[in-house]
Amino acid sequence: MPVHGFNHFNLRAPQPLLDRIRDFYVDVLGMKAGWRPPFPFPGYWLYLEEHAILHLVEAP
């Protein structure tokens, strides 16, 4: 199920869910996990083509 449009979202979730959420967007929607600045908290940046579209970060 390819994604054709998305415009910069940030999702927060508890640490145990971050990998599962990443896997859904990568495996089901075809996004790619990519470069993310070295922030002092866990998270992922997911890309469509060369654009960082979705940021996943740990909820406090």
C-alpha atoms as a PDB file:
ATOM      1  CA  MET A   1       0.000   0.000   0.000  1.00  0.00           C
ATOM      2  CA  PRO A   2       2.146   2.926  -1.194  1.00  0.00           C
ATOM      3  CA  VAL A   3       1.753   6.399   0.245  1.00  0.00           C
ATOM      4  CA  HIS A   4       1.337   9.159  -2.333  1.00  0.00           C
ATOM      5  CA  GLY A   5       1.159  12.158  -0.050  1.00  0.00           C
ATOM      6  CA  PHE A   6       2.057  13.112   3.479  1.00  0.00           C
ATOM      7  CA  ASN A   7       3.226  16.396   4.945  1.00  0.00           C
ATOM      8  CA  HIS A   8       5.485  16.406   7.999  1.00  0.00           C
ATOM      9  CA  PHE A   9       3.948  14.706  11.004  1.00  0.00           C
ATOM     10  CA  ASN A  10       5.306  14.023  14.482  1.00  0.00           C
ATOM     11  CA  LEU A  11       4.028  11.046  16.462  1.00  0.00           C
ATOM     12  CA  ARG A  12       4.891  10.470  20.111  1.00  0.00           C
ATOM     13  CA  ALA A  13       4.666   7.062  21.747  1.00  0.00           C
ATOM     14  CA  PRO A  14       6.135   5.196  24.708  1.00  0.00           C
ATOM     15  CA  GLN A  15       9.550   3.682  23.985  1.00  0.00           C
ATOM     16  CA  PRO A  16       8.273   0.059  23.719  1.00  0.00           C
ATOM     17  CA  LEU A  17       5.984   1.049  20.825  1.00  0.00           C
ATOM     18  CA  LEU A  18       8.438   3.084  18.734  1.00  0.00           C
ATOM     19  CA  ASP A  19       9.882   0.090  16.877  1.00  0.00           C
ATOM     20  CA  ARG A  20       6.435  -1.355  16.181  1.00  0.00           C
ATOM     21  CA  ILE A  21       5.181   1.958  14.803  1.00  0.00           C
ATOM     22  CA  ARG A  22       8.321   2.321  12.666  1.00  0.00           C
ATOM     23  CA  ASP A  23       7.860  -1.204  11.328  1.00  0.00           C
ATOM     24  CA  PHE A  24       4.271  -0.462  10.307  1.00  0.00           C
ATOM     25  CA  TYR A  25       5.198   2.653   8.329  1.00  0.00           C
ATOM     26  CA  VAL A  26       8.201   0.956   6.731  1.00  0.00           C
ATOM     27  CA  ASP A  27       6.751  -2.511   6.034  1.00  0.00           C
ATOM     28  CA  VAL A  28       3.147  -1.605   5.214  1.00  0.00           C
ATOM     29  CA  LEU A  29       3.356   1.911   3.775  1.00  0.00           C
ATOM     30  CA  GLY A  30       6.786   1.665   2.179  1.00  0.00           C
ATOM     31  CA  MET A  31       8.513   4.515   3.992  1.00  0.00           C
ATOM     32  CA  LYS A  32      12.257   4.330   4.748  1.00  0.00           C
ATOM     33  CA  ALA A  33      13.928   4.921   8.107  1.00  0.00           C
ATOM     34  CA  GLY A  34      16.763   7.376   7.578  1.00  0.00           C
ATOM     35  CA  TRP A  35      19.111   9.958   9.018  1.00  0.00           C
ATOM     36  CA  ARG A  36      18.051  11.724  12.190  1.00  0.00           C
ATOM     37  CA  PRO A  37      20.041  14.326  14.139  1.00  0.00           C
ATOM     38  CA  PRO A  38      21.646  13.043  17.356  1.00  0.00           C
ATOM     39  CA  PHE A  39      18.878  14.164  19.686  1.00  0.00           C
ATOM     40  CA  PRO A  40      19.193  13.106  23.360  1.00  0.00           C
ATOM     41  CA  PHE A  41      16.014  11.008  23.176  1.00  0.00           C
ATOM     42  CA  PRO A  42      14.945   7.936  21.156  1.00  0.00           C
ATOM     43  CA  GLY A  43      13.170   8.267  17.864  1.00  0.00           C
ATOM     44  CA  TYR A  44      13.156   7.773  14.095  1.00  0.00           C
ATOM     45  CA  TRP A  45      12.772   9.907  11.015  1.00  0.00           C
ATOM     46  CA  LEU A  46      10.866   8.228   8.212  1.00  0.00           C
ATOM     47  CA  TYR A  47      11.266   9.315   4.622  1.00  0.00           C
ATOM     48  CA  LEU A  48       9.314   9.280   1.373  1.00  0.00           C
ATOM     49  CA  GLU A  49      11.906   9.609  -1.372  1.00  0.00           C
ATOM     50  CA  GLU A  50      14.391  12.176  -0.014  1.00  0.00           C
ATOM     51  CA  HIS A  51      11.932  13.976   2.270  1.00  0.00           C
ATOM     52  CA  ALA A  52      11.771  13.397   6.033  1.00  0.00           C
ATOM     53  CA  ILE A  53       7.995  13.187   6.389  1.00  0.00           C
ATOM     54  CA  LEU A  54       7.293  11.467   9.690  1.00  0.00           C
ATOM     55  CA  HIS A  55       9.118  11.898  12.981  1.00  0.00           C
ATOM     56  CA  LEU A  56       8.611   9.310  15.705  1.00  0.00           C
ATOM     57  CA  VAL A  57       9.732  10.318  19.187  1.00  0.00           C
ATOM     58  CA  GLU A  58       9.496   8.915  22.672  1.00  0.00           C
ATOM     59  CA  ALA A  59       6.631  10.255  24.768  1.00  0.00           C
ATOM     60  CA  PRO A  60       7.669  11.195  28.295  1.00  0.00           C
END
